Amino acid sequence: FVYDDAGHPVWLVMPDAVYSEKDIGIGPLNGFHGNLFTTKGPPSGQVYDPSRIVVTPVGQASLRFDNTTYATGAFTYRAFGRLLTEPLARQPF
């Protein structure tokens, strides 16, 4: 998730991510790239009603790891009029 301009958490999903060596203009080569969406729907526990589900495209993203150990990387996304890169690091156990 990320935070919107008002400081509220917003969940983003990238369901169509594919591995590619093609630069799509928002991140380095050799990573997973895809479209970003926000979703809204009825709360858990209510009857499933597909007409209440709203999927909104908001941008694109790239998920890349720096080396073969996958210890570090970056998540770069363009959404809501912003282009941001968030560094990633493996959590120590």
Protein backbone atom coordinates (compact mmCIF):
# COMPACT_ATOMS: atom_id res chain seq x y z
CA PHE A 1 0.00 0.00 0.00
CA VAL A 2 0.90 3.65 -0.36
CA TYR A 3 -0.52 6.84 1.12
CA ASP A 4 -2.62 9.36 -0.78
CA ASP A 5 -2.14 13.13 -0.55
CA ALA A 6 -4.38 13.27 2.54
CA GLY A 7 -2.31 10.60 4.32
CA HIS A 8 -4.85 7.78 3.94
CA PRO A 9 -3.60 4.29 3.06
CA VAL A 10 -4.44 3.11 -0.44
CA TRP A 11 -3.96 -0.47 -1.57
CA LEU A 12 -2.61 -0.92 -5.07
CA VAL A 13 -2.75 -4.18 -7.02
CA MET A 14 -0.76 -5.25 -10.09
CA PRO A 15 -2.59 -8.39 -11.27
CA ASP A 16 -1.20 -8.44 -14.80
CA ALA A 17 2.49 -8.24 -13.89
CA VAL A 18 4.86 -10.04 -16.26
CA TYR A 19 8.62 -10.46 -16.28
CA SER A 20 10.19 -8.42 -19.03
CA GLU A 21 13.52 -7.08 -20.15
CA LYS A 22 11.71 -4.18 -21.85
CA ASP A 23 11.94 -0.71 -20.32
CA ILE A 24 8.42 0.72 -20.02
CA GLY A 25 9.72 4.15 -19.04
CA ILE A 26 9.30 3.97 -15.26
CA GLY A 27 11.97 1.61 -14.05
CA PRO A 28 15.10 -0.34 -14.87
CA LEU A 29 15.16 -3.31 -17.18
CA ASN A 30 14.84 -6.95 -16.06
CA GLY A 31 11.89 -6.93 -13.72
CA PHE A 32 8.19 -7.37 -13.33
CA HIS A 33 6.09 -4.69 -14.98
CA GLY A 34 2.36 -4.13 -15.04
CA ASN A 35 -0.61 -1.85 -14.66
CA LEU A 36 -1.69 -0.60 -11.23
CA PHE A 37 -5.27 -0.55 -9.98
CA THR A 38 -7.23 0.36 -6.88
CA THR A 39 -10.23 -1.77 -5.95
CA LYS A 40 -13.34 -1.25 -3.84
CA GLY A 41 -16.13 -3.60 -2.93
CA PRO A 42 -18.47 -4.74 -0.20
CA PRO A 43 -16.98 -5.57 3.20
CA SER A 44 -15.99 -9.12 4.01
CA GLY A 45 -18.87 -11.20 5.30
CA GLN A 46 -21.50 -9.68 3.04
CA VAL A 47 -23.11 -11.49 0.13
CA TYR A 48 -20.89 -11.41 -2.94
CA ASP A 49 -22.28 -8.96 -5.48
CA PRO A 50 -20.00 -8.37 -8.49
CA SER A 51 -21.91 -5.20 -9.40
CA ARG A 52 -20.49 -3.55 -6.24
CA ILE A 53 -16.86 -4.17 -7.18
CA VAL A 54 -15.05 -1.18 -8.68
CA VAL A 55 -11.61 -1.56 -10.28
CA THR A 56 -9.90 1.71 -11.21
CA PRO A 57 -6.69 1.90 -13.27
CA VAL A 58 -4.26 4.36 -11.66
CA GLY A 59 -0.87 3.83 -13.32
CA GLN A 60 2.00 1.46 -13.95
CA ALA A 61 4.71 -0.15 -11.84
CA SER A 62 8.01 -1.98 -12.03
CA LEU A 63 9.34 -4.44 -9.45
CA ARG A 64 13.04 -5.20 -9.79
CA PHE A 65 15.61 -7.05 -7.71
CA ASP A 66 19.30 -6.08 -7.90
CA ASN A 67 21.04 -9.43 -8.01
CA THR A 68 20.60 -13.18 -7.95
CA THR A 69 20.24 -13.29 -4.16
CA TYR A 70 17.19 -11.00 -4.33
CA ALA A 71 18.37 -9.23 -1.17
CA THR A 72 17.70 -5.70 -2.47
CA GLY A 73 15.63 -4.09 -5.18
CA ALA A 74 13.15 -1.35 -5.95
CA PHE A 75 9.46 -0.82 -6.55
CA THR A 76 8.91 2.07 -8.96
CA TYR A 77 5.44 3.30 -9.73
CA ARG A 78 3.72 6.08 -11.62
CA ALA A 79 0.27 6.76 -10.17
CA PHE A 80 -1.79 9.69 -8.91
CA GLY A 81 0.43 12.13 -10.83
CA ARG A 82 3.60 10.96 -9.08
CA LEU A 83 6.64 8.93 -10.07
CA LEU A 84 8.19 7.30 -6.99
CA THR A 85 10.77 4.63 -6.28
CA GLU A 86 10.70 2.70 -3.01
CA PRO A 87 13.84 0.74 -2.12
CA LEU A 88 13.37 -2.87 -1.04
CA ALA A 89 15.55 -4.94 1.31
CA ARG A 90 15.18 -8.43 2.67
CA GLN A 91 14.15 -8.53 6.33
CA PRO A 92 16.78 -10.15 8.54
CA PHE A 93 15.63 -13.20 10.50
